[in-house]
Each structure stands twice: as structure tokens, then as C-alpha cells.
Amino acid sequence: MEHADLDASIDRLAETAPADELLLRRLKKRRLALRDEIARLELLADPQEPA
């Protein structure tokens, strides 16, 4: 949910003129960190089966 909220915030901020570039970069960095965390947790929850 937080990732989706960040997506919406980034979209709204990007549409405003002029955009706050520093805030935009921070939000994008946080969104990327959350995406990496989600991927890591999904991998832990569903480990690869041995071949």
C-alpha cells in the first residue's frame, strides 16, 4: 500500500509546475527501496524449489 501511495504522490508532484525536484528524487528513492524490500520478502515467503 505504501508503494502505491508513493506512486500516486510522485505522479501528483510531477504534474505540478514547478516540481520540487529534491522531494521528487527522495520519493522515487523511497519507492525503489520499498520495491526492493517487497521483492526480498516475496522471495523469502516463496523460496525456490530445488531442481
C-alpha atoms as a PDB file:
ATOM      1  CA  MET A   1       0.000   0.000   0.000  1.00  0.00           C
ATOM      2  CA  GLU A   2       2.810   2.381   0.839  1.00  0.00           C
ATOM      3  CA  HIS A   3       4.367   1.747  -2.582  1.00  0.00           C
ATOM      4  CA  ALA A   4       1.079   2.599  -4.313  1.00  0.00           C
ATOM      5  CA  ASP A   5       0.712   5.727  -2.175  1.00  0.00           C
ATOM      6  CA  LEU A   6       4.202   6.825  -3.181  1.00  0.00           C
ATOM      7  CA  ASP A   7       3.359   6.234  -6.850  1.00  0.00           C
ATOM      8  CA  ALA A   8       0.321   8.478  -6.533  1.00  0.00           C
ATOM      9  CA  SER A   9       2.288  11.158  -4.673  1.00  0.00           C
ATOM     10  CA  ILE A  10       5.051  11.123  -7.265  1.00  0.00           C
ATOM     11  CA  ASP A  11       2.538  11.418 -10.098  1.00  0.00           C
ATOM     12  CA  ARG A  12       0.768  14.360  -8.447  1.00  0.00           C
ATOM     13  CA  LEU A  13       4.049  16.117  -7.637  1.00  0.00           C
ATOM     14  CA  ALA A  14       5.391  15.610 -11.160  1.00  0.00           C
ATOM     15  CA  GLU A  15       2.270  17.263 -12.610  1.00  0.00           C
ATOM     16  CA  THR A  16       2.666  20.447 -10.588  1.00  0.00           C
ATOM     17  CA  ALA A  17       4.744  23.244 -12.042  1.00  0.00           C
ATOM     18  CA  PRO A  18       7.395  23.803 -10.924  1.00  0.00           C
ATOM     19  CA  ALA A  19       8.002  20.412  -9.359  1.00  0.00           C
ATOM     20  CA  ASP A  20      10.053  20.127  -6.191  1.00  0.00           C
ATOM     21  CA  GLU A  21      12.912  18.112  -7.678  1.00  0.00           C
ATOM     22  CA  LEU A  22      14.539  17.251  -4.338  1.00  0.00           C
ATOM     23  CA  LEU A  23      11.287  15.915  -2.903  1.00  0.00           C
ATOM     24  CA  LEU A  24      10.593  14.049  -6.126  1.00  0.00           C
ATOM     25  CA  ARG A  25      14.016  12.359  -6.005  1.00  0.00           C
ATOM     26  CA  ARG A  26      13.520  11.392  -2.353  1.00  0.00           C
ATOM     27  CA  LEU A  27      10.099   9.907  -3.041  1.00  0.00           C
ATOM     28  CA  LYS A  28      11.427   7.931  -6.006  1.00  0.00           C
ATOM     29  CA  LYS A  29      14.326   6.630  -3.922  1.00  0.00           C
ATOM     30  CA  ARG A  30      11.922   5.545  -1.162  1.00  0.00           C
ATOM     31  CA  ARG A  31       9.644   3.879  -3.744  1.00  0.00           C
ATOM     32  CA  LEU A  32      12.620   1.953  -5.149  1.00  0.00           C
ATOM     33  CA  ALA A  33      13.674   0.838  -1.661  1.00  0.00           C
ATOM     34  CA  LEU A  34      10.143  -0.375  -0.962  1.00  0.00           C
ATOM     35  CA  ARG A  35      10.025  -2.262  -4.259  1.00  0.00           C
ATOM     36  CA  ASP A  36      13.315  -3.979  -3.388  1.00  0.00           C
ATOM     37  CA  GLU A  37      12.009  -4.840   0.087  1.00  0.00           C
ATOM     38  CA  ILE A  38       8.799  -6.275  -1.383  1.00  0.00           C
ATOM     39  CA  ALA A  39      10.799  -8.420  -3.811  1.00  0.00           C
ATOM     40  CA  ARG A  40      13.042  -9.653  -0.996  1.00  0.00           C
ATOM     41  CA  LEU A  41      10.064 -10.558   1.207  1.00  0.00           C
ATOM     42  CA  GLU A  42       8.320 -12.352  -1.655  1.00  0.00           C
ATOM     43  CA  LEU A  43      11.443 -14.403  -2.251  1.00  0.00           C
ATOM     44  CA  LEU A  44      11.613 -15.356   1.430  1.00  0.00           C
ATOM     45  CA  ALA A  45       7.925 -16.265   1.505  1.00  0.00           C
ATOM     46  CA  ASP A  46       8.154 -18.427  -1.612  1.00  0.00           C
ATOM     47  CA  PRO A  47      11.665 -19.934  -1.782  1.00  0.00           C
ATOM     48  CA  GLN A  48      12.854 -21.620  -4.952  1.00  0.00           C
ATOM     49  CA  GLU A  49      12.325 -25.373  -5.019  1.00  0.00           C
ATOM     50  CA  PRO A  50      15.457 -27.422  -5.600  1.00  0.00           C
ATOM     51  CA  ALA A  51      15.698 -28.806  -9.106  1.00  0.00           C
END
